[in-house]
C-alpha cells in the first residue's frame, strides 16, 4: 500500500494520539532501526511541548496566548515529525512495510531510485562553542547550501585526542552521526587545552559511508 493522502492528522487529539504511537514505536526500536538518539530527542521534545500546550487549552480557563502557543507548538511538531519520518522511517531498509502501515506513515515506493553510496566529501568547519565544547559545521563540498546530498541521512564525525598527529583515519576512535549542522562535541575538563583531531564523511540511509575528509585539528577550549 502506498499512501498518497496527508498522513499527519490535522485535528488536535488525533494528531497527539498518532504522534504518540509513532514515537513509542520508534523509541522501542531505536537500536534495531538505527535511529540516532539525538534525532529522536528533537522530535520527542516537540511532541511534549505540544502535549503540554494542548492540555492547557483544553482547560476551560485559558487565554488567547495559550491558544497561540498551542498552535505554534502544533505546527512545530507537525514539521518535526514529518522530517523525522522522512529521515528515519520512510526509507529505512530495517523497517518493514507492515511496520510503516501499523504506524500509519508513508510506505516507500519499491520502484524508487536506489540510494547511492555517497560520492562527495563534506566540508568541515570547527568553531569554539563554549568551554569544553566545539561546534562542528558541515556542508557538501562545493555547495553553498547546507542541504545533505540525496539519500544521505547524516555526517559521521570521527575524532580523538592524541599526543601526536594521526597518520590514518583509523586512529580516530570516537565517532558520532550528526544528522544536522551544526553539531556540538563536548569534552571533559581534563581534556581542555589538548589537541583533538577530526574527520568527516557522509553516510546514506542504508548506513553506507562515503570518502573521509582530510583530518583537521583544534584545541579543546
C-alpha atoms as a PDB file:
ATOM      1  CA  UNK A   1       0.000   0.000   0.000  1.00  0.00           C
ATOM      2  CA  UNK A   2       1.356   3.409  -0.986  1.00  0.00           C
ATOM      3  CA  UNK A   3      -0.155   6.339   0.881  1.00  0.00           C
ATOM      4  CA  UNK A   4      -0.963   9.459  -1.149  1.00  0.00           C
ATOM      5  CA  UNK A   5      -3.086  11.416   1.345  1.00  0.00           C
ATOM      6  CA  UNK A   6      -1.635  13.596   4.076  1.00  0.00           C
ATOM      7  CA  UNK A   7      -0.715  11.066   6.738  1.00  0.00           C
ATOM      8  CA  UNK A   8      -0.305  13.673   9.519  1.00  0.00           C
ATOM      9  CA  UNK A   9      -3.681  14.237  11.250  1.00  0.00           C
ATOM     10  CA  UNK A  10      -4.870  17.836  11.489  1.00  0.00           C
ATOM     11  CA  UNK A  11      -7.305  17.501  14.436  1.00  0.00           C
ATOM     12  CA  UNK A  12      -5.570  18.134  17.776  1.00  0.00           C
ATOM     13  CA  UNK A  13      -6.362  14.939  19.669  1.00  0.00           C
ATOM     14  CA  UNK A  14      -5.922  12.694  16.624  1.00  0.00           C
ATOM     15  CA  UNK A  15      -2.541  14.287  15.955  1.00  0.00           C
ATOM     16  CA  UNK A  16      -1.484  13.749  19.560  1.00  0.00           C
ATOM     17  CA  UNK A  17      -2.636  10.106  19.596  1.00  0.00           C
ATOM     18  CA  UNK A  18      -0.999   9.317  16.257  1.00  0.00           C
ATOM     19  CA  UNK A  19       2.224  11.127  17.174  1.00  0.00           C
ATOM     20  CA  UNK A  20       2.486   9.303  20.490  1.00  0.00           C
ATOM     21  CA  UNK A  21       2.031   5.943  18.730  1.00  0.00           C
ATOM     22  CA  UNK A  22       4.738   6.680  16.149  1.00  0.00           C
ATOM     23  CA  UNK A  23       7.234   7.921  18.751  1.00  0.00           C
ATOM     24  CA  UNK A  24       6.507   4.990  21.065  1.00  0.00           C
ATOM     25  CA  UNK A  25       7.310   2.534  18.265  1.00  0.00           C
ATOM     26  CA  UNK A  26      10.397   4.470  17.210  1.00  0.00           C
ATOM     27  CA  UNK A  27      11.722   4.667  20.772  1.00  0.00           C
ATOM     28  CA  UNK A  28      11.212   0.936  21.278  1.00  0.00           C
ATOM     29  CA  UNK A  29      13.303   0.214  18.152  1.00  0.00           C
ATOM     30  CA  UNK A  30      15.991   2.928  18.292  1.00  0.00           C
ATOM     31  CA  UNK A  31      18.815   0.390  18.162  1.00  0.00           C
ATOM     32  CA  UNK A  32      17.199  -2.103  15.797  1.00  0.00           C
ATOM     33  CA  UNK A  33      16.197   0.620  13.338  1.00  0.00           C
ATOM     34  CA  UNK A  34      19.458   2.589  13.829  1.00  0.00           C
ATOM     35  CA  UNK A  35      17.676   5.792  14.757  1.00  0.00           C
ATOM     36  CA  UNK A  36      20.115   8.219  16.433  1.00  0.00           C
ATOM     37  CA  UNK A  37      19.137   9.238  19.944  1.00  0.00           C
ATOM     38  CA  UNK A  38      19.665  12.934  19.238  1.00  0.00           C
ATOM     39  CA  UNK A  39      17.369  12.741  16.209  1.00  0.00           C
ATOM     40  CA  UNK A  40      14.656  11.143  18.328  1.00  0.00           C
ATOM     41  CA  UNK A  41      15.121  13.577  21.227  1.00  0.00           C
ATOM     42  CA  UNK A  42      14.469  16.587  18.983  1.00  0.00           C
ATOM     43  CA  UNK A  43      11.040  15.415  17.812  1.00  0.00           C
ATOM     44  CA  UNK A  44      10.168  13.969  21.231  1.00  0.00           C
ATOM     45  CA  UNK A  45      10.643  17.417  22.798  1.00  0.00           C
ATOM     46  CA  UNK A  46       8.434  18.982  20.113  1.00  0.00           C
ATOM     47  CA  UNK A  47       5.758  16.409  20.914  1.00  0.00           C
ATOM     48  CA  UNK A  48       5.940  17.075  24.666  1.00  0.00           C
ATOM     49  CA  UNK A  49       5.766  20.844  24.129  1.00  0.00           C
ATOM     50  CA  UNK A  50       2.618  20.384  22.023  1.00  0.00           C
ATOM     51  CA  UNK A  51       1.108  17.928  24.508  1.00  0.00           C
ATOM     52  CA  UNK A  52       1.516  20.387  27.388  1.00  0.00           C
ATOM     53  CA  UNK A  53       0.195  23.343  25.379  1.00  0.00           C
ATOM     54  CA  UNK A  54      -2.856  21.377  24.242  1.00  0.00           C
ATOM     55  CA  UNK A  55      -3.618  20.302  27.806  1.00  0.00           C
ATOM     56  CA  UNK A  56      -3.679  23.965  28.866  1.00  0.00           C
ATOM     57  CA  UNK A  57      -6.039  24.954  26.035  1.00  0.00           C
ATOM     58  CA  UNK A  58      -8.419  22.096  26.818  1.00  0.00           C
ATOM     59  CA  UNK A  59      -8.845  23.514  30.303  1.00  0.00           C
ATOM     60  CA  UNK A  60     -11.980  25.699  30.401  1.00  0.00           C
ATOM     61  CA  UNK A  61      -9.891  28.530  31.809  1.00  0.00           C
ATOM     62  CA  UNK A  62      -7.302  29.563  29.252  1.00  0.00           C
ATOM     63  CA  UNK A  63      -6.184  32.675  27.414  1.00  0.00           C
ATOM     64  CA  UNK A  64      -5.678  33.679  23.801  1.00  0.00           C
ATOM     65  CA  UNK A  65      -1.938  33.458  24.468  1.00  0.00           C
ATOM     66  CA  UNK A  66      -2.428  29.818  25.450  1.00  0.00           C
ATOM     67  CA  UNK A  67      -4.205  29.151  22.143  1.00  0.00           C
ATOM     68  CA  UNK A  68      -1.433  30.904  20.239  1.00  0.00           C
ATOM     69  CA  UNK A  69       1.203  28.784  21.980  1.00  0.00           C
ATOM     70  CA  UNK A  70      -0.766  25.617  21.250  1.00  0.00           C
ATOM     71  CA  UNK A  71      -0.976  26.473  17.557  1.00  0.00           C
ATOM     72  CA  UNK A  72       2.738  27.291  17.398  1.00  0.00           C
ATOM     73  CA  UNK A  73       3.804  24.083  19.136  1.00  0.00           C
ATOM     74  CA  UNK A  74       1.390  22.096  16.959  1.00  0.00           C
ATOM     75  CA  UNK A  75       2.909  23.414  13.743  1.00  0.00           C
ATOM     76  CA  UNK A  76       6.426  22.877  15.091  1.00  0.00           C
ATOM     77  CA  UNK A  77       5.617  19.270  15.972  1.00  0.00           C
ATOM     78  CA  UNK A  78       3.958  18.602  12.597  1.00  0.00           C
ATOM     79  CA  UNK A  79       7.030  19.928  10.812  1.00  0.00           C
ATOM     80  CA  UNK A  80       9.363  17.971  13.097  1.00  0.00           C
ATOM     81  CA  UNK A  81       7.505  14.661  12.817  1.00  0.00           C
ATOM     82  CA  UNK A  82       7.397  14.927   9.028  1.00  0.00           C
ATOM     83  CA  UNK A  83      11.160  15.393   8.951  1.00  0.00           C
ATOM     84  CA  UNK A  84      11.686  12.553  11.433  1.00  0.00           C
ATOM     85  CA  UNK A  85       9.512  10.165   9.397  1.00  0.00           C
ATOM     86  CA  UNK A  86      11.223  11.194   6.162  1.00  0.00           C
ATOM     87  CA  UNK A  87      14.770  10.846   7.537  1.00  0.00           C
ATOM     88  CA  UNK A  88      14.472   7.742   9.702  1.00  0.00           C
ATOM     89  CA  UNK A  89      11.322   5.749   8.922  1.00  0.00           C
ATOM     90  CA  UNK A  90      10.038   6.039   5.356  1.00  0.00           C
ATOM     91  CA  UNK A  91      13.101   4.725   3.530  1.00  0.00           C
ATOM     92  CA  UNK A  92      14.798   2.827   6.358  1.00  0.00           C
ATOM     93  CA  UNK A  93      15.577  -0.646   4.994  1.00  0.00           C
ATOM     94  CA  UNK A  94      15.456  -2.066   8.537  1.00  0.00           C
ATOM     95  CA  UNK A  95      11.746  -1.214   8.829  1.00  0.00           C
ATOM     96  CA  UNK A  96       9.168  -3.382   7.052  1.00  0.00           C
ATOM     97  CA  UNK A  97       6.210  -2.036   5.120  1.00  0.00           C
ATOM     98  CA  UNK A  98       3.966  -3.728   7.708  1.00  0.00           C
ATOM     99  CA  UNK A  99       5.700  -1.661  10.412  1.00  0.00           C
ATOM    100  CA  UNK A 100       5.025   1.502   8.429  1.00  0.00           C
ATOM    101  CA  UNK A 101       1.374   0.616   7.874  1.00  0.00           C
ATOM    102  CA  UNK A 102       0.903  -0.011  11.604  1.00  0.00           C
ATOM    103  CA  UNK A 103       2.383   3.428  12.321  1.00  0.00           C
ATOM    104  CA  UNK A 104       0.237   4.932   9.532  1.00  0.00           C
ATOM    105  CA  UNK A 105       3.198   6.540   7.811  1.00  0.00           C
ATOM    106  CA  UNK A 106       4.113   6.533   4.093  1.00  0.00           C
ATOM    107  CA  UNK A 107       5.208   3.208   2.623  1.00  0.00           C
ATOM    108  CA  UNK A 108       8.218   3.660   0.394  1.00  0.00           C
ATOM    109  CA  UNK A 109       7.870   3.020  -3.310  1.00  0.00           C
ATOM    110  CA  UNK A 110       9.714  -0.183  -4.230  1.00  0.00           C
ATOM    111  CA  UNK A 111      10.434   1.276  -7.669  1.00  0.00           C
ATOM    112  CA  UNK A 112      12.081   4.437  -6.362  1.00  0.00           C
ATOM    113  CA  UNK A 113      15.603   5.400  -7.366  1.00  0.00           C
ATOM    114  CA  UNK A 114      18.174   3.280  -5.488  1.00  0.00           C
ATOM    115  CA  UNK A 115      20.035   5.103  -2.736  1.00  0.00           C
ATOM    116  CA  UNK A 116      23.629   5.595  -3.898  1.00  0.00           C
ATOM    117  CA  UNK A 117      26.773   5.367  -1.820  1.00  0.00           C
ATOM    118  CA  UNK A 118      27.850   8.986  -1.143  1.00  0.00           C
ATOM    119  CA  UNK A 119      30.399  10.165  -3.695  1.00  0.00           C
ATOM    120  CA  UNK A 120      31.145  13.640  -2.357  1.00  0.00           C
ATOM    121  CA  UNK A 121      33.104  14.659   0.726  1.00  0.00           C
ATOM    122  CA  UNK A 122      31.585  17.118   3.228  1.00  0.00           C
ATOM    123  CA  UNK A 123      33.499  20.240   4.128  1.00  0.00           C
ATOM    124  CA  UNK A 124      34.267  20.555   7.837  1.00  0.00           C
ATOM    125  CA  UNK A 125      34.352  23.806   9.825  1.00  0.00           C
ATOM    126  CA  UNK A 126      35.294  23.864  13.522  1.00  0.00           C
ATOM    127  CA  UNK A 127      34.418  26.689  15.930  1.00  0.00           C
ATOM    128  CA  UNK A 128      34.535  27.212  19.687  1.00  0.00           C
ATOM    129  CA  UNK A 129      31.052  26.691  21.130  1.00  0.00           C
ATOM    130  CA  UNK A 130      31.753  27.235  24.818  1.00  0.00           C
ATOM    131  CA  UNK A 131      34.116  25.901  27.471  1.00  0.00           C
ATOM    132  CA  UNK A 132      34.872  22.208  26.827  1.00  0.00           C
ATOM    133  CA  UNK A 133      32.821  22.239  23.603  1.00  0.00           C
ATOM    134  CA  UNK A 134      33.471  22.609  19.883  1.00  0.00           C
ATOM    135  CA  UNK A 135      30.891  23.315  17.194  1.00  0.00           C
ATOM    136  CA  UNK A 136      31.278  21.293  14.006  1.00  0.00           C
ATOM    137  CA  UNK A 137      29.596  22.685  10.887  1.00  0.00           C
ATOM    138  CA  UNK A 138      29.500  20.822   7.596  1.00  0.00           C
ATOM    139  CA  UNK A 139      28.118  21.081   4.076  1.00  0.00           C
ATOM    140  CA  UNK A 140      28.550  19.279   0.797  1.00  0.00           C
ATOM    141  CA  UNK A 141      31.805  20.069  -0.960  1.00  0.00           C
ATOM    142  CA  UNK A 142      31.430  22.925  -3.414  1.00  0.00           C
ATOM    143  CA  UNK A 143      27.845  23.673  -2.365  1.00  0.00           C
ATOM    144  CA  UNK A 144      26.562  26.903  -0.859  1.00  0.00           C
ATOM    145  CA  UNK A 145      23.593  25.081   0.675  1.00  0.00           C
ATOM    146  CA  UNK A 146      23.622  23.158   3.949  1.00  0.00           C
ATOM    147  CA  UNK A 147      21.303  20.531   2.443  1.00  0.00           C
ATOM    148  CA  UNK A 148      22.574  16.957   2.519  1.00  0.00           C
ATOM    149  CA  UNK A 149      23.043  15.042  -0.752  1.00  0.00           C
ATOM    150  CA  UNK A 150      20.253  12.730  -1.932  1.00  0.00           C
ATOM    151  CA  UNK A 151      19.942   9.609   0.198  1.00  0.00           C
ATOM    152  CA  UNK A 152      22.250  10.900   2.943  1.00  0.00           C
ATOM    153  CA  UNK A 153      20.900  10.796   6.489  1.00  0.00           C
ATOM    154  CA  UNK A 154      23.836  12.433   8.202  1.00  0.00           C
ATOM    155  CA  UNK A 155      27.558  13.010   8.548  1.00  0.00           C
ATOM    156  CA  UNK A 156      29.773  10.674  10.557  1.00  0.00           C
ATOM    157  CA  UNK A 157      32.313  12.616  12.606  1.00  0.00           C
ATOM    158  CA  UNK A 158      35.323  10.695  13.884  1.00  0.00           C
ATOM    159  CA  UNK A 159      37.637  12.342  16.378  1.00  0.00           C
ATOM    160  CA  UNK A 160      40.155  11.718  19.129  1.00  0.00           C
ATOM    161  CA  UNK A 161      42.592  13.499  21.398  1.00  0.00           C
ATOM    162  CA  UNK A 162      46.112  12.351  20.546  1.00  0.00           C
ATOM    163  CA  UNK A 163      49.619  13.328  21.592  1.00  0.00           C
ATOM    164  CA  UNK A 164      50.904  13.187  18.000  1.00  0.00           C
ATOM    165  CA  UNK A 165      49.141  13.856  14.679  1.00  0.00           C
ATOM    166  CA  UNK A 166      47.430  10.729  13.321  1.00  0.00           C
ATOM    167  CA  UNK A 167      48.668   9.177  10.103  1.00  0.00           C
ATOM    168  CA  UNK A 168      45.429   7.282   9.387  1.00  0.00           C
ATOM    169  CA  UNK A 169      41.696   7.810   9.950  1.00  0.00           C
ATOM    170  CA  UNK A 170      41.543   4.533  11.885  1.00  0.00           C
ATOM    171  CA  UNK A 171      43.427   6.206  14.735  1.00  0.00           C
ATOM    172  CA  UNK A 172      40.380   8.383  15.458  1.00  0.00           C
ATOM    173  CA  UNK A 173      38.343   6.075  17.686  1.00  0.00           C
ATOM    174  CA  UNK A 174      35.429   8.297  18.805  1.00  0.00           C
ATOM    175  CA  UNK A 175      32.517   8.729  16.425  1.00  0.00           C
ATOM    176  CA  UNK A 176      29.072  10.289  16.195  1.00  0.00           C
ATOM    177  CA  UNK A 177      26.398  10.530  13.492  1.00  0.00           C
ATOM    178  CA  UNK A 178      25.382  14.179  13.096  1.00  0.00           C
ATOM    179  CA  UNK A 179      22.006  14.384  11.366  1.00  0.00           C
ATOM    180  CA  UNK A 180      22.060  18.156  11.124  1.00  0.00           C
ATOM    181  CA  UNK A 181      24.537  21.011  11.126  1.00  0.00           C
ATOM    182  CA  UNK A 182      25.919  22.416  13.346  1.00  0.00           C
ATOM    183  CA  UNK A 183      26.768  19.626  15.789  1.00  0.00           C
ATOM    184  CA  UNK A 184      28.356  20.236  19.201  1.00  0.00           C
ATOM    185  CA  UNK A 185      31.090  17.959  20.557  1.00  0.00           C
ATOM    186  CA  UNK A 186      31.550  18.024  24.332  1.00  0.00           C
ATOM    187  CA  UNK A 187      34.756  17.177  26.165  1.00  0.00           C
ATOM    188  CA  UNK A 188      35.907  16.530  29.727  1.00  0.00           C
ATOM    189  CA  UNK A 189      37.510  19.161  31.939  1.00  0.00           C
ATOM    190  CA  UNK A 190      40.753  17.155  31.864  1.00  0.00           C
ATOM    191  CA  UNK A 191      40.804  17.419  28.067  1.00  0.00           C
ATOM    192  CA  UNK A 192      40.867  21.228  27.973  1.00  0.00           C
ATOM    193  CA  UNK A 193      43.896  22.628  26.149  1.00  0.00           C
ATOM    194  CA  UNK A 194      44.596  19.366  24.351  1.00  0.00           C
ATOM    195  CA  UNK A 195      44.551  18.859  20.590  1.00  0.00           C
ATOM    196  CA  UNK A 196      41.615  16.976  19.094  1.00  0.00           C
ATOM    197  CA  UNK A 197      41.829  15.593  15.563  1.00  0.00           C
ATOM    198  CA  UNK A 198      38.677  15.269  13.445  1.00  0.00           C
ATOM    199  CA  UNK A 199      37.485  13.982  10.070  1.00  0.00           C
ATOM    200  CA  UNK A 200      34.043  13.612   8.499  1.00  0.00           C
ATOM    201  CA  UNK A 201      32.187  11.679   5.806  1.00  0.00           C
ATOM    202  CA  UNK A 202      28.618  11.336   4.535  1.00  0.00           C
ATOM    203  CA  UNK A 203      26.534   8.276   5.446  1.00  0.00           C
ATOM    204  CA  UNK A 204      23.480   7.253   3.438  1.00  0.00           C
ATOM    205  CA  UNK A 205      20.181   5.865   4.711  1.00  0.00           C
ATOM    206  CA  UNK A 206      21.497   2.294   4.379  1.00  0.00           C
ATOM    207  CA  UNK A 207      24.476   3.015   6.625  1.00  0.00           C
ATOM    208  CA  UNK A 208      26.977   3.113   3.755  1.00  0.00           C
ATOM    209  CA  UNK A 209      29.760   5.684   4.117  1.00  0.00           C
ATOM    210  CA  UNK A 210      31.448   7.874   1.518  1.00  0.00           C
ATOM    211  CA  UNK A 211      35.052   9.064   1.450  1.00  0.00           C
ATOM    212  CA  UNK A 212      36.617  10.647   4.514  1.00  0.00           C
ATOM    213  CA  UNK A 213      37.685  14.263   4.558  1.00  0.00           C
ATOM    214  CA  UNK A 214      41.224  15.288   5.398  1.00  0.00           C
ATOM    215  CA  UNK A 215      41.971  15.230   9.106  1.00  0.00           C
ATOM    216  CA  UNK A 216      41.718  18.609  10.833  1.00  0.00           C
ATOM    217  CA  UNK A 217      42.621  19.636  14.363  1.00  0.00           C
ATOM    218  CA  UNK A 218      41.539  22.065  17.033  1.00  0.00           C
ATOM    219  CA  UNK A 219      42.328  22.842  20.652  1.00  0.00           C
ATOM    220  CA  UNK A 220      39.671  21.929  23.213  1.00  0.00           C
ATOM    221  CA  UNK A 221      38.640  25.251  24.815  1.00  0.00           C
END
